[in-house]
Amino acid sequence: MTQGFVRVGNQEIGPDRPVFTIAEIGINHNGSLETAMKLVDAAVEAGCDAVKFQKRTIEIVYTPEELAKPRASVFGASNGDLKRGLEFGREQYRQIDSYCKAKKISWFASCWDERSVDFIAEFDPPCFKIASASLTDDALLKYHRRLRKPIILSTGMSDLALIEHAVSVLGSNDLVLMHCTSTYPSDPAELNLRGINTLAARFGVPVGYSGHEVGLQTTVAAVALGARAIERHLTLDRSMWGSDQSASVEPQGFARLVRDVRVIEKALGDGAIRIYESERPIIQKLRRVQ
């Protein structure tokens, strides 16, 4: 099947288009708006196309029993204290929205429940991201589709049958799939980067790569294998407190990643075998028979 294009804001994701680069801020801001703004700055400096956050309605996503579990953090003694402390409210997102517009970088979020979808929709994002954990939530998939926005769906923790079902619920229009392994950090032996081509051939939609591994080389390899979008977690410092920090990329690393992706794009070419004009003086110099 031939891949189509998905327009996200002013950019297109698909064949022969620049790879769409996403810096996932997620919850690496640790509940600090100041840290979130610094992460936006780092993404802009790296040359990313978009930043992504996560949004949850805590009482919907988690059971009372889960929220009551002991878990010490700067926010309190329970898991609920932690989860609530990591969530931004409307005023914080207004500031994030204004800041990203001023910095000319797109932003969107993965929403883990219907109320969060409505919340983020108030800011008219260019697309919605659906996390791997939500791939089997048919009601949430359908709820996203009613807003008629492009959808980027991660496929971690899923086999082909589960992905086929999710695509049947969402439809393939304005859909980008992200090949993904949902361990933090991921073992390179479990990344299965050739799955990018498997998904592209099966579904005929643009396929990207969402990585949680340590290092950058496998993400660059994903682009060489045909990934049309990449997503990595961004952190100011991998030693910071937080569950996602160790599987994240620091600002200088993210800048190198985006730089290398742009080089790979140029190097891949179109596949047509030709003599380049730059080679003709070499022909004159080195070939005995012409």
Protein backbone atom coordinates (compact mmCIF):
# COMPACT_ATOMS: atom_id res chain seq x y z
CA MET A 1 0.00 0.00 0.00
CA THR A 2 1.17 3.54 -0.77
CA GLN A 3 1.57 5.91 2.15
CA GLY A 4 -0.43 9.11 2.03
CA PHE A 5 0.27 12.40 3.73
CA VAL A 6 -1.01 13.71 7.04
CA ARG A 7 -0.99 17.47 7.56
CA VAL A 8 -0.13 18.59 11.08
CA GLY A 9 -0.39 22.36 11.28
CA ASN A 10 1.70 23.77 8.44
CA GLN A 11 3.67 20.57 7.90
CA GLU A 12 3.03 17.27 6.15
CA ILE A 13 4.07 13.88 7.47
CA GLY A 14 4.68 11.34 4.75
CA PRO A 15 7.02 10.19 1.96
CA ASP A 16 9.47 12.72 0.56
CA ARG A 17 8.69 15.18 3.34
CA PRO A 18 11.07 16.23 6.13
CA VAL A 19 10.90 13.90 9.12
CA PHE A 20 8.54 15.37 11.73
CA THR A 21 10.54 15.69 14.95
CA ILE A 22 8.73 15.62 18.30
CA ALA A 23 10.30 16.37 21.66
CA GLU A 24 8.18 14.73 24.31
CA ILE A 25 8.17 16.84 27.44
CA GLY A 26 5.52 14.58 28.94
CA ILE A 27 5.85 14.83 32.71
CA ASN A 28 9.57 15.61 32.70
CA HIS A 29 8.68 19.12 33.86
CA ASN A 30 8.05 17.59 37.32
CA GLY A 31 5.11 19.90 37.87
CA SER A 32 7.18 23.06 37.30
CA LEU A 33 6.00 25.52 34.64
CA GLU A 34 9.46 27.10 34.64
CA THR A 35 11.03 23.73 33.81
CA ALA A 36 8.42 23.17 31.10
CA MET A 37 9.35 26.49 29.47
CA LYS A 38 13.05 25.58 29.59
CA LEU A 39 12.23 22.30 27.87
CA VAL A 40 10.31 24.17 25.16
CA ASP A 41 13.36 26.40 24.71
CA ALA A 42 15.60 23.33 24.40
CA ALA A 43 13.29 21.82 21.75
CA VAL A 44 13.30 25.06 19.77
CA GLU A 45 17.08 25.32 20.00
CA ALA A 46 17.42 21.72 18.79
CA GLY A 47 15.27 22.46 15.73
CA CYS A 48 12.30 20.29 16.68
CA ASP A 49 8.97 20.65 14.90
CA ALA A 50 6.79 20.10 17.97
CA VAL A 51 6.71 19.44 21.69
CA LYS A 52 4.28 17.07 23.35
CA PHE A 53 2.79 16.98 26.83
CA GLN A 54 0.59 14.45 28.65
CA LYS A 55 -2.83 15.18 30.15
CA ARG A 56 -4.80 13.03 32.58
CA THR A 57 -7.90 13.49 34.73
CA ILE A 58 -6.43 11.75 37.76
CA GLU A 59 -9.68 10.49 39.29
CA ILE A 60 -10.71 8.94 35.97
CA VAL A 61 -7.43 7.35 34.92
CA TYR A 62 -6.50 5.90 38.32
CA THR A 63 -8.55 3.92 40.82
CA PRO A 64 -8.92 5.17 44.42
CA GLU A 65 -6.84 2.19 45.53
CA GLU A 66 -4.00 3.13 43.18
CA LEU A 67 -4.07 6.77 44.29
CA ALA A 68 -3.99 5.77 47.96
CA LYS A 69 -0.82 3.67 47.65
CA PRO A 70 2.15 5.02 49.62
CA ARG A 71 4.66 6.79 47.40
CA ALA A 72 6.92 9.45 48.81
CA SER A 73 7.64 12.49 46.64
CA VAL A 74 8.02 16.24 46.92
CA PHE A 75 4.24 16.45 46.54
CA GLY A 76 3.31 14.21 49.48
CA ALA A 77 3.24 10.66 50.76
CA SER A 78 0.79 8.96 48.37
CA ASN A 79 0.70 8.06 44.71
CA GLY A 80 -2.28 10.39 44.35
CA ASP A 81 -0.26 13.31 45.69
CA LEU A 82 2.39 12.61 43.06
CA LYS A 83 -0.03 12.24 40.16
CA ARG A 84 -1.91 15.41 41.04
CA GLY A 85 1.33 17.33 41.52
CA LEU A 86 2.51 16.45 38.01
CA GLU A 87 -0.64 17.73 36.30
CA PHE A 88 -0.87 21.22 34.83
CA GLY A 89 -4.19 23.04 34.95
CA ARG A 90 -5.86 25.46 32.58
CA GLU A 91 -3.80 28.53 33.53
CA GLN A 92 -0.50 26.67 33.08
CA TYR A 93 -1.59 25.39 29.68
CA ARG A 94 -2.65 28.89 28.65
CA GLN A 95 0.87 30.01 29.38
CA ILE A 96 2.35 27.02 27.56
CA ASP A 97 0.13 27.77 24.55
CA SER A 98 1.20 31.42 24.47
CA TYR A 99 4.86 30.54 24.95
CA CYS A 100 4.90 27.96 22.16
CA LYS A 101 3.17 30.37 19.79
CA ALA A 102 5.74 33.03 20.61
CA LYS A 103 8.53 30.52 19.99
CA LYS A 104 6.84 29.33 16.77
CA ILE A 105 6.78 25.66 17.74
CA SER A 106 3.71 23.41 17.61
CA TRP A 107 2.50 21.68 20.75
CA PHE A 108 -0.03 18.97 21.48
CA ALA A 109 -0.65 16.30 24.10
CA SER A 110 -1.49 12.67 24.65
CA CYS A 111 -4.82 12.57 26.48
CA TRP A 112 -5.57 9.57 28.67
CA ASP A 113 -9.31 10.13 29.11
CA GLU A 114 -12.23 11.87 27.43
CA ARG A 115 -12.31 14.84 29.79
CA SER A 116 -8.65 15.49 29.03
CA VAL A 117 -9.39 15.38 25.29
CA ASP A 118 -11.97 18.14 25.77
CA PHE A 119 -9.53 20.10 27.93
CA ILE A 120 -6.72 20.05 25.34
CA ALA A 121 -9.19 20.67 22.49
CA GLU A 122 -9.81 24.15 23.97
CA PHE A 123 -6.33 25.09 22.71
CA ASP A 124 -6.97 23.90 19.13
CA PRO A 125 -3.90 21.65 18.83
CA PRO A 126 -2.72 20.65 15.32
CA CYS A 127 -3.22 16.98 16.22
CA PHE A 128 -3.75 14.58 19.10
CA LYS A 129 -1.36 11.89 20.30
CA ILE A 130 -2.72 8.62 21.64
CA ALA A 131 -0.34 6.77 23.95
CA SER A 132 0.45 3.08 23.60
CA ALA A 133 -1.36 2.42 26.88
CA SER A 134 -4.60 3.73 25.33
CA LEU A 135 -4.42 1.72 22.09
CA THR A 136 -7.03 -0.79 23.30
CA ASP A 137 -9.43 1.87 24.70
CA ASP A 138 -12.01 1.88 21.90
CA ALA A 139 -14.18 4.50 23.58
CA LEU A 140 -11.25 6.90 23.87
CA LEU A 141 -10.19 6.26 20.26
CA LYS A 142 -13.69 7.07 19.03
CA TYR A 143 -13.86 10.15 21.25
CA HIS A 144 -10.68 11.51 19.65
CA ARG A 145 -12.09 10.96 16.16
CA ARG A 146 -15.17 13.09 16.78
CA LEU A 147 -12.90 16.17 16.86
CA ARG A 148 -11.72 15.53 13.28
CA LYS A 149 -8.06 16.19 14.06
CA PRO A 150 -5.05 14.21 12.80
CA ILE A 151 -4.08 11.44 15.20
CA ILE A 152 -0.63 10.08 16.02
CA LEU A 153 -0.95 6.63 17.60
CA SER A 154 1.89 4.85 19.40
CA THR A 155 1.89 1.06 19.13
CA GLY A 156 3.93 -0.15 22.11
CA MET A 157 2.71 -3.18 24.09
CA SER A 158 0.77 -4.33 21.02
CA ASP A 159 0.90 -7.07 18.43
CA LEU A 160 -0.33 -6.71 14.86
CA ALA A 161 -3.84 -7.90 15.72
CA LEU A 162 -4.27 -5.22 18.39
CA ILE A 163 -2.97 -2.54 16.04
CA GLU A 164 -5.30 -3.73 13.26
CA HIS A 165 -8.25 -3.42 15.63
CA ALA A 166 -7.24 0.09 16.71
CA VAL A 167 -6.89 1.20 13.08
CA SER A 168 -10.29 -0.31 12.29
CA VAL A 169 -11.77 1.84 15.08
CA LEU A 170 -9.90 5.02 14.10
CA GLY A 171 -9.89 4.60 10.35
CA SER A 172 -6.74 5.32 8.35
CA ASN A 173 -7.59 8.90 7.38
CA ASP A 174 -5.28 11.49 8.97
CA LEU A 175 -3.52 8.76 10.95
CA VAL A 176 0.18 8.37 11.75
CA LEU A 177 1.38 5.19 13.46
CA MET A 178 4.45 5.28 15.70
CA HIS A 179 6.39 2.04 16.05
CA CYS A 180 7.28 1.77 19.72
CA THR A 181 8.55 -0.47 22.51
CA SER A 182 7.15 0.54 25.90
CA THR A 183 10.00 -0.15 28.28
CA TYR A 184 11.99 2.61 29.97
CA PRO A 185 14.74 2.41 28.89
CA SER A 186 14.27 -0.08 26.06
CA ASP A 187 16.69 -2.90 25.27
CA PRO A 188 18.01 -2.42 21.69
CA ALA A 189 17.34 -6.13 21.08
CA GLU A 190 13.62 -5.42 21.56
CA LEU A 191 13.32 -2.32 19.34
CA ASN A 192 12.58 -4.36 16.19
CA LEU A 193 13.07 -1.36 13.90
CA ARG A 194 12.09 -3.40 10.84
CA GLY A 195 8.58 -3.22 12.27
CA ILE A 196 8.43 0.30 10.80
CA ASN A 197 8.29 -1.19 7.30
CA THR A 198 5.87 -3.89 8.43
CA LEU A 199 3.40 -1.28 9.64
CA ALA A 200 3.82 0.91 6.57
CA ALA A 201 3.18 -2.00 4.21
CA ARG A 202 0.19 -3.26 6.20
CA PHE A 203 -1.68 0.00 6.80
CA GLY A 204 -0.58 2.40 4.06
CA VAL A 205 -0.24 5.32 6.46
CA PRO A 206 2.85 7.31 7.47
CA VAL A 207 4.79 5.43 10.14
CA GLY A 208 7.18 6.99 12.61
CA TYR A 209 9.21 5.87 15.58
CA SER A 210 8.76 6.66 19.27
CA GLY A 211 11.88 5.63 21.15
CA HIS A 212 12.67 5.06 24.82
CA GLU A 213 16.16 3.63 24.45
CA VAL A 214 19.43 5.05 25.72
CA GLY A 215 21.45 6.69 22.95
CA LEU A 216 20.63 8.19 19.60
CA GLN A 217 21.94 5.79 16.97
CA THR A 218 18.86 3.56 16.86
CA THR A 219 16.57 6.56 16.33
CA VAL A 220 18.73 7.71 13.43
CA ALA A 221 18.57 4.13 12.08
CA ALA A 222 14.78 4.31 12.28
CA VAL A 223 14.86 7.29 9.90
CA ALA A 224 17.14 5.38 7.53
CA LEU A 225 14.58 2.56 7.59
CA GLY A 226 11.76 4.91 6.59
CA ALA A 227 10.35 6.50 9.77
CA ARG A 228 8.45 9.64 8.76
CA ALA A 229 8.31 11.06 12.29
CA ILE A 230 10.41 10.57 15.39
CA GLU A 231 9.60 11.15 19.03
CA ARG A 232 11.97 11.05 21.98
CA HIS A 233 11.56 12.22 25.56
CA LEU A 234 13.42 15.45 26.32
CA THR A 235 14.95 16.25 29.70
CA LEU A 236 17.16 19.00 31.06
CA ASP A 237 19.22 16.38 32.91
CA ARG A 238 18.86 12.58 32.90
CA SER A 239 19.77 12.51 36.59
CA MET A 240 16.69 14.57 37.51
CA TRP A 241 13.99 12.96 39.61
CA GLY A 242 11.20 11.31 37.60
CA SER A 243 10.19 7.99 36.07
CA ASP A 244 10.91 8.99 32.44
CA GLN A 245 14.16 10.91 32.89
CA SER A 246 16.57 7.99 32.42
CA ALA A 247 15.03 7.11 29.04
CA SER A 248 15.14 10.74 27.88
CA VAL A 249 17.58 12.80 25.81
CA GLU A 250 19.32 15.90 27.13
CA PRO A 251 19.28 19.17 25.11
CA GLN A 252 22.69 18.79 23.45
CA GLY A 253 21.88 15.22 22.50
CA PHE A 254 18.54 16.24 21.05
CA ALA A 255 20.23 18.89 18.92
CA ARG A 256 22.65 16.24 17.60
CA LEU A 257 19.74 13.91 16.90
CA VAL A 258 17.82 16.45 14.83
CA ARG A 259 21.03 17.43 13.01
CA ASP A 260 21.78 13.80 12.14
CA VAL A 261 18.21 13.16 11.02
CA ARG A 262 18.46 16.05 8.57
CA VAL A 263 21.74 14.68 7.21
CA ILE A 264 20.23 11.20 6.80
CA GLU A 265 17.27 12.68 4.91
CA LYS A 266 19.62 14.22 2.36
CA ALA A 267 21.80 11.13 2.15
CA LEU A 268 18.92 8.74 1.43
CA GLY A 269 18.25 10.31 -1.97
CA ASP A 270 15.66 9.02 -4.42
CA GLY A 271 17.18 5.64 -5.30
CA ALA A 272 17.88 6.49 -8.94
CA ILE A 273 21.40 5.56 -9.99
CA ARG A 274 23.13 8.41 -11.80
CA ILE A 275 26.46 10.09 -12.44
CA TYR A 276 26.69 13.30 -10.45
CA GLU A 277 28.22 16.37 -12.06
CA SER A 278 30.66 16.51 -9.15
CA GLU A 279 31.96 13.09 -10.26
CA ARG A 280 32.78 14.07 -13.86
CA PRO A 281 36.19 15.63 -13.11
CA ILE A 282 37.04 12.45 -11.21
CA ILE A 283 36.06 10.38 -14.26
CA GLN A 284 38.45 12.44 -16.41
CA LYS A 285 41.21 12.00 -13.86
CA LEU A 286 40.91 8.35 -12.90
CA ARG A 287 39.22 6.33 -15.66
CA ARG A 288 41.47 4.89 -18.31
CA VAL A 289 38.63 4.01 -20.67
CA GLN A 290 35.62 6.30 -21.02
